[in-house]
Amino acid sequence: MADYARYDDTRLVALLRERDKQAYTEIYVRFWPVLFRHALRMLRDEDEATDVVQDIFAVLWEKATALKLSGTLAGYLYSATRNRVIDRLARHKLEQHYLNSLEDYLTQGTPAADDAMIAEELAQRIEQEVAKLPKKMRQIFLLRQQAQHSYREIAESIGTTEGNVKKQLYNAMKLLKSKFQVLILTGIWHLFVFWCRHF
């Protein structure tokens, strides 16, 4: 039985291109720890680092037969890990930016981004999500965001307290943020601002 641990990286890559599972396992065992440490240094989060390295190896197996290296296997894996980490950090930064903008808008009625893309399908999705809010919460949300009423005006118009109005708006913000957290990354935030301005 072949001892794959004795094979150099070049031999392992050649076998990997032939979908040799033992070669893949050896590459995994050989590089997992160093790639994990590499990702962890940048991300400072063990779960995130684990996800990144798992993704790298999943793609490596998926594209094994078409794998082309311009350098060493180690160099390829390090670069892939670094690029994946950079993408993840950028995605988190963008997500946090838009979530902060969404929070500012829901609490102050002031959008932090320009409405750059408008698509009817997405507009309908936003309208649907707002429509799903509990009746009283939806009423307060629309009075605040569309009619621009003050907390006091809203409280008087629906027969409740300012404290309850603030609580309902806070809860609406939490619900909408949870709904749009993923969609925000595809640009739906711009549409959300447009909808709230023009509905």
C-alpha atoms as a PDB file:
ATOM      1  CA  MET A   1       0.000   0.000   0.000  1.00  0.00           C
ATOM      2  CA  ALA A   2       1.367   3.403  -0.971  1.00  0.00           C
ATOM      3  CA  ASP A   3       2.569   5.726   1.789  1.00  0.00           C
ATOM      4  CA  TYR A   4       1.150   9.054   0.667  1.00  0.00           C
ATOM      5  CA  ALA A   5       2.899  10.859   3.512  1.00  0.00           C
ATOM      6  CA  ARG A   6       6.172  10.261   1.644  1.00  0.00           C
ATOM      7  CA  TYR A   7       4.967  11.887  -1.564  1.00  0.00           C
ATOM      8  CA  ASP A   8       6.002  15.429  -2.325  1.00  0.00           C
ATOM      9  CA  ASP A   9       3.418  18.082  -3.152  1.00  0.00           C
ATOM     10  CA  THR A  10       3.916  17.764  -6.899  1.00  0.00           C
ATOM     11  CA  ARG A  11       3.113  14.065  -6.808  1.00  0.00           C
ATOM     12  CA  LEU A  12       0.087  14.655  -4.614  1.00  0.00           C
ATOM     13  CA  VAL A  13      -1.266  17.311  -6.988  1.00  0.00           C
ATOM     14  CA  ALA A  14      -0.879  14.948  -9.936  1.00  0.00           C
ATOM     15  CA  LEU A  15      -2.838  12.289  -8.060  1.00  0.00           C
ATOM     16  CA  LEU A  16      -5.408  14.840  -6.921  1.00  0.00           C
ATOM     17  CA  ARG A  17      -6.116  15.718 -10.563  1.00  0.00           C
ATOM     18  CA  GLU A  18      -7.029  12.050 -10.996  1.00  0.00           C
ATOM     19  CA  ARG A  19      -9.513  12.370  -8.112  1.00  0.00           C
ATOM     20  CA  ASP A  20      -7.361  10.275  -5.804  1.00  0.00           C
ATOM     21  CA  LYS A  21      -9.065  10.568  -2.403  1.00  0.00           C
ATOM     22  CA  GLN A  22      -6.006   9.468  -0.467  1.00  0.00           C
ATOM     23  CA  ALA A  23      -3.949  12.211  -2.111  1.00  0.00           C
ATOM     24  CA  TYR A  24      -6.628  14.717  -1.171  1.00  0.00           C
ATOM     25  CA  THR A  25      -6.665  13.440   2.415  1.00  0.00           C
ATOM     26  CA  GLU A  26      -2.882  13.757   2.635  1.00  0.00           C
ATOM     27  CA  ILE A  27      -3.000  17.332   1.337  1.00  0.00           C
ATOM     28  CA  TYR A  28      -5.734  18.075   3.871  1.00  0.00           C
ATOM     29  CA  VAL A  29      -3.736  16.618   6.771  1.00  0.00           C
ATOM     30  CA  ARG A  30      -0.540  18.315   5.609  1.00  0.00           C
ATOM     31  CA  PHE A  31      -1.933  21.810   5.103  1.00  0.00           C
ATOM     32  CA  TRP A  32      -5.002  22.161   7.323  1.00  0.00           C
ATOM     33  CA  PRO A  33      -3.121  23.263  10.496  1.00  0.00           C
ATOM     34  CA  VAL A  34      -0.942  25.883   8.784  1.00  0.00           C
ATOM     35  CA  LEU A  35      -3.816  27.299   6.727  1.00  0.00           C
ATOM     36  CA  PHE A  36      -5.980  27.482   9.829  1.00  0.00           C
ATOM     37  CA  ARG A  37      -3.309  29.419  11.707  1.00  0.00           C
ATOM     38  CA  HIS A  38      -2.846  31.663   8.666  1.00  0.00           C
ATOM     39  CA  ALA A  39      -6.588  32.450   8.549  1.00  0.00           C
ATOM     40  CA  LEU A  40      -6.859  32.800  12.325  1.00  0.00           C
ATOM     41  CA  ARG A  41      -4.099  35.430  12.430  1.00  0.00           C
ATOM     42  CA  MET A  42      -6.128  37.604  10.083  1.00  0.00           C
ATOM     43  CA  LEU A  43      -9.661  36.873  11.278  1.00  0.00           C
ATOM     44  CA  ARG A  44      -9.020  36.396  15.007  1.00  0.00           C
ATOM     45  CA  ASP A  45     -12.019  34.107  15.179  1.00  0.00           C
ATOM     46  CA  GLU A  46     -11.687  30.322  15.259  1.00  0.00           C
ATOM     47  CA  ASP A  47     -15.092  29.591  13.730  1.00  0.00           C
ATOM     48  CA  GLU A  48     -14.497  32.048  10.882  1.00  0.00           C
ATOM     49  CA  ALA A  49     -11.023  30.628  10.266  1.00  0.00           C
ATOM     50  CA  THR A  50     -12.403  27.089  10.239  1.00  0.00           C
ATOM     51  CA  ASP A  51     -15.085  28.066   7.715  1.00  0.00           C
ATOM     52  CA  VAL A  52     -12.507  29.671   5.431  1.00  0.00           C
ATOM     53  CA  VAL A  53     -10.201  26.648   5.421  1.00  0.00           C
ATOM     54  CA  GLN A  54     -13.106  24.241   4.956  1.00  0.00           C
ATOM     55  CA  ASP A  55     -14.204  26.287   1.947  1.00  0.00           C
ATOM     56  CA  ILE A  56     -10.701  26.177   0.498  1.00  0.00           C
ATOM     57  CA  PHE A  57     -10.551  22.396   0.700  1.00  0.00           C
ATOM     58  CA  ALA A  58     -14.090  21.970  -0.607  1.00  0.00           C
ATOM     59  CA  VAL A  59     -13.201  24.019  -3.693  1.00  0.00           C
ATOM     60  CA  LEU A  60      -9.895  22.165  -4.056  1.00  0.00           C
ATOM     61  CA  TRP A  61     -11.704  18.830  -4.349  1.00  0.00           C
ATOM     62  CA  GLU A  62     -14.468  20.246  -6.518  1.00  0.00           C
ATOM     63  CA  LYS A  63     -11.970  21.632  -9.038  1.00  0.00           C
ATOM     64  CA  ALA A  64      -9.364  18.897  -8.651  1.00  0.00           C
ATOM     65  CA  THR A  65      -9.383  17.687 -12.249  1.00  0.00           C
ATOM     66  CA  ALA A  66      -8.936  21.214 -13.622  1.00  0.00           C
ATOM     67  CA  LEU A  67      -6.423  22.373 -11.017  1.00  0.00           C
ATOM     68  CA  LYS A  68      -3.658  24.496 -12.533  1.00  0.00           C
ATOM     69  CA  LEU A  69      -0.812  25.782 -10.414  1.00  0.00           C
ATOM     70  CA  SER A  70       1.566  28.524 -11.511  1.00  0.00           C
ATOM     71  CA  GLY A  71       3.726  27.838  -8.484  1.00  0.00           C
ATOM     72  CA  THR A  72       3.781  25.494  -5.520  1.00  0.00           C
ATOM     73  CA  LEU A  73       0.785  23.851  -3.888  1.00  0.00           C
ATOM     74  CA  ALA A  74       1.620  25.631  -0.638  1.00  0.00           C
ATOM     75  CA  GLY A  75       1.702  28.983  -2.406  1.00  0.00           C
ATOM     76  CA  TYR A  76      -1.610  28.271  -4.110  1.00  0.00           C
ATOM     77  CA  LEU A  77      -3.312  27.307  -0.847  1.00  0.00           C
ATOM     78  CA  TYR A  78      -1.880  30.273   1.078  1.00  0.00           C
ATOM     79  CA  SER A  79      -3.031  32.694  -1.632  1.00  0.00           C
ATOM     80  CA  ALA A  80      -6.469  31.107  -1.789  1.00  0.00           C
ATOM     81  CA  THR A  81      -6.801  31.375   1.989  1.00  0.00           C
ATOM     82  CA  ARG A  82      -5.639  34.986   2.053  1.00  0.00           C
ATOM     83  CA  ASN A  83      -8.031  35.963  -0.735  1.00  0.00           C
ATOM     84  CA  ARG A  84     -10.938  34.191   0.953  1.00  0.00           C
ATOM     85  CA  VAL A  85     -10.162  35.969   4.237  1.00  0.00           C
ATOM     86  CA  ILE A  86      -9.972  39.354   2.498  1.00  0.00           C
ATOM     87  CA  ASP A  87     -13.318  38.717   0.809  1.00  0.00           C
ATOM     88  CA  ARG A  88     -14.879  37.738   4.108  1.00  0.00           C
ATOM     89  CA  LEU A  89     -13.520  40.789   5.923  1.00  0.00           C
ATOM     90  CA  ALA A  90     -14.752  43.070   3.149  1.00  0.00           C
ATOM     91  CA  ARG A  91     -18.176  41.425   3.239  1.00  0.00           C
ATOM     92  CA  HIS A  92     -18.424  41.862   7.010  1.00  0.00           C
ATOM     93  CA  LYS A  93     -17.354  45.490   6.734  1.00  0.00           C
ATOM     94  CA  LEU A  94     -19.939  46.190   4.038  1.00  0.00           C
ATOM     95  CA  GLU A  95     -22.616  44.350   5.970  1.00  0.00           C
ATOM     96  CA  GLN A  96     -21.894  46.333   9.125  1.00  0.00           C
ATOM     97  CA  HIS A  97     -21.889  49.590   7.183  1.00  0.00           C
ATOM     98  CA  TYR A  98     -25.313  48.921   5.704  1.00  0.00           C
ATOM     99  CA  LEU A  99     -26.734  47.629   8.955  1.00  0.00           C
ATOM    100  CA  ASN A 100     -25.564  50.820  10.661  1.00  0.00           C
ATOM    101  CA  SER A 101     -27.119  52.841   7.856  1.00  0.00           C
ATOM    102  CA  LEU A 102     -30.362  50.922   8.201  1.00  0.00           C
ATOM    103  CA  GLU A 103     -30.420  51.558  11.930  1.00  0.00           C
ATOM    104  CA  ASP A 104     -29.803  55.280  11.386  1.00  0.00           C
ATOM    105  CA  TYR A 105     -32.614  55.432   8.875  1.00  0.00           C
ATOM    106  CA  LEU A 106     -35.121  53.562  10.994  1.00  0.00           C
ATOM    107  CA  THR A 107     -34.369  55.641  14.080  1.00  0.00           C
ATOM    108  CA  GLN A 108     -33.784  59.058  12.487  1.00  0.00           C
ATOM    109  CA  GLY A 109     -35.421  58.831   9.067  1.00  0.00           C
ATOM    110  CA  THR A 110     -32.132  59.826   7.451  1.00  0.00           C
ATOM    111  CA  PRO A 111     -30.724  57.437   4.821  1.00  0.00           C
ATOM    112  CA  ALA A 112     -26.947  57.181   4.671  1.00  0.00           C
ATOM    113  CA  ALA A 113     -26.760  55.876   1.130  1.00  0.00           C
ATOM    114  CA  ASP A 114     -28.050  57.009  -2.261  1.00  0.00           C
ATOM    115  CA  ASP A 115     -30.733  54.951  -3.962  1.00  0.00           C
ATOM    116  CA  ALA A 116     -28.642  53.444  -6.765  1.00  0.00           C
ATOM    117  CA  MET A 117     -30.670  50.510  -8.050  1.00  0.00           C
ATOM    118  CA  ILE A 118     -34.399  50.098  -8.386  1.00  0.00           C
ATOM    119  CA  ALA A 119     -36.041  46.816  -9.314  1.00  0.00           C
ATOM    120  CA  GLU A 120     -39.753  46.137  -9.042  1.00  0.00           C
ATOM    121  CA  GLU A 121     -39.276  42.609  -7.777  1.00  0.00           C
ATOM    122  CA  LEU A 122     -37.116  43.757  -4.881  1.00  0.00           C
ATOM    123  CA  ALA A 123     -39.448  46.661  -4.143  1.00  0.00           C
ATOM    124  CA  GLN A 124     -42.283  44.195  -3.751  1.00  0.00           C
ATOM    125  CA  ARG A 125     -40.162  42.144  -1.353  1.00  0.00           C
ATOM    126  CA  ILE A 126     -39.555  45.162   0.849  1.00  0.00           C
ATOM    127  CA  GLU A 127     -43.225  46.066   0.833  1.00  0.00           C
ATOM    128  CA  GLN A 128     -44.083  42.485   1.758  1.00  0.00           C
ATOM    129  CA  GLU A 129     -41.687  42.478   4.718  1.00  0.00           C
ATOM    130  CA  VAL A 130     -43.068  45.738   6.087  1.00  0.00           C
ATOM    131  CA  ALA A 131     -46.609  44.411   5.587  1.00  0.00           C
ATOM    132  CA  LYS A 132     -45.702  41.395   7.745  1.00  0.00           C
ATOM    133  CA  LEU A 133     -45.011  43.561  10.765  1.00  0.00           C
ATOM    134  CA  PRO A 134     -47.661  43.284  13.505  1.00  0.00           C
ATOM    135  CA  LYS A 135     -50.534  45.681  12.805  1.00  0.00           C
ATOM    136  CA  LYS A 136     -49.828  48.214  15.572  1.00  0.00           C
ATOM    137  CA  MET A 137     -46.097  48.102  14.926  1.00  0.00           C
ATOM    138  CA  ARG A 138     -46.621  48.609  11.205  1.00  0.00           C
ATOM    139  CA  GLN A 139     -48.944  51.546  11.826  1.00  0.00           C
ATOM    140  CA  ILE A 140     -46.414  53.252  14.092  1.00  0.00           C
ATOM    141  CA  PHE A 141     -43.564  52.514  11.689  1.00  0.00           C
ATOM    142  CA  LEU A 142     -45.411  54.047   8.727  1.00  0.00           C
ATOM    143  CA  LEU A 143     -46.478  57.113  10.695  1.00  0.00           C
ATOM    144  CA  ARG A 144     -42.887  57.703  11.729  1.00  0.00           C
ATOM    145  CA  GLN A 145     -41.079  56.920   8.492  1.00  0.00           C
ATOM    146  CA  GLN A 146     -43.546  58.098   5.869  1.00  0.00           C
ATOM    147  CA  ALA A 147     -45.605  60.796   7.563  1.00  0.00           C
ATOM    148  CA  GLN A 148     -42.614  61.939   9.654  1.00  0.00           C
ATOM    149  CA  HIS A 149     -44.762  62.325  12.784  1.00  0.00           C
ATOM    150  CA  SER A 150     -43.079  62.880  16.117  1.00  0.00           C
ATOM    151  CA  TYR A 151     -43.285  60.275  18.875  1.00  0.00           C
ATOM    152  CA  ARG A 152     -45.797  62.475  20.657  1.00  0.00           C
ATOM    153  CA  GLU A 153     -47.976  62.923  17.568  1.00  0.00           C
ATOM    154  CA  ILE A 154     -47.992  59.186  16.937  1.00  0.00           C
ATOM    155  CA  ALA A 155     -48.839  58.425  20.556  1.00  0.00           C
ATOM    156  CA  GLU A 156     -51.745  60.878  20.506  1.00  0.00           C
ATOM    157  CA  SER A 157     -53.085  59.671  17.155  1.00  0.00           C
ATOM    158  CA  ILE A 158     -53.280  56.013  18.184  1.00  0.00           C
ATOM    159  CA  GLY A 159     -53.985  56.489  21.884  1.00  0.00           C
ATOM    160  CA  THR A 160     -50.794  55.182  23.468  1.00  0.00           C
ATOM    161  CA  THR A 161     -47.696  56.476  25.233  1.00  0.00           C
ATOM    162  CA  GLU A 162     -44.517  57.877  23.711  1.00  0.00           C
ATOM    163  CA  GLY A 163     -42.619  55.114  25.475  1.00  0.00           C
ATOM    164  CA  ASN A 164     -44.698  52.478  23.723  1.00  0.00           C
ATOM    165  CA  VAL A 165     -44.152  54.201  20.370  1.00  0.00           C
ATOM    166  CA  LYS A 166     -40.392  54.130  20.870  1.00  0.00           C
ATOM    167  CA  LYS A 167     -40.533  50.487  21.935  1.00  0.00           C
ATOM    168  CA  GLN A 168     -42.583  49.521  18.880  1.00  0.00           C
ATOM    169  CA  LEU A 169     -40.197  51.348  16.538  1.00  0.00           C
ATOM    170  CA  TYR A 170     -37.227  49.650  18.181  1.00  0.00           C
ATOM    171  CA  ASN A 171     -38.854  46.259  17.711  1.00  0.00           C
ATOM    172  CA  ALA A 172     -39.729  47.076  14.094  1.00  0.00           C
ATOM    173  CA  MET A 173     -36.122  48.025  13.459  1.00  0.00           C
ATOM    174  CA  LYS A 174     -34.904  44.731  14.915  1.00  0.00           C
ATOM    175  CA  LEU A 175     -37.337  42.703  12.826  1.00  0.00           C
ATOM    176  CA  LEU A 176     -36.516  44.485   9.568  1.00  0.00           C
ATOM    177  CA  LYS A 177     -32.772  44.317  10.209  1.00  0.00           C
ATOM    178  CA  SER A 178     -33.013  40.573  10.693  1.00  0.00           C
ATOM    179  CA  LYS A 179     -35.023  40.224   7.472  1.00  0.00           C
ATOM    180  CA  PHE A 180     -32.741  42.356   5.364  1.00  0.00           C
ATOM    181  CA  GLN A 181     -29.348  41.435   6.784  1.00  0.00           C
ATOM    182  CA  VAL A 182     -28.600  39.054   3.910  1.00  0.00           C
ATOM    183  CA  LEU A 183     -30.442  41.032   1.238  1.00  0.00           C
ATOM    184  CA  ILE A 184     -28.520  44.150   2.161  1.00  0.00           C
ATOM    185  CA  LEU A 185     -25.389  42.582   0.706  1.00  0.00           C
ATOM    186  CA  THR A 186     -27.019  42.386  -2.719  1.00  0.00           C
ATOM    187  CA  GLY A 187     -27.870  46.048  -2.816  1.00  0.00           C
ATOM    188  CA  ILE A 188     -31.406  45.919  -1.519  1.00  0.00           C
ATOM    189  CA  TRP A 189     -30.603  48.677   0.966  1.00  0.00           C
ATOM    190  CA  HIS A 190     -30.692  51.238  -1.827  1.00  0.00           C
ATOM    191  CA  LEU A 191     -34.101  50.004  -2.822  1.00  0.00           C
ATOM    192  CA  PHE A 192     -35.286  50.088   0.764  1.00  0.00           C
ATOM    193  CA  VAL A 193     -34.402  53.779   0.981  1.00  0.00           C
ATOM    194  CA  PHE A 194     -36.172  54.444  -2.318  1.00  0.00           C
ATOM    195  CA  TRP A 195     -39.299  52.601  -1.183  1.00  0.00           C
ATOM    196  CA  CYS A 196     -39.483  54.452   2.113  1.00  0.00           C
ATOM    197  CA  ARG A 197     -39.132  57.775   0.311  1.00  0.00           C
ATOM    198  CA  HIS A 198     -41.668  57.152  -2.407  1.00  0.00           C
ATOM    199  CA  PHE A 199     -44.274  54.711  -1.078  1.00  0.00           C
END
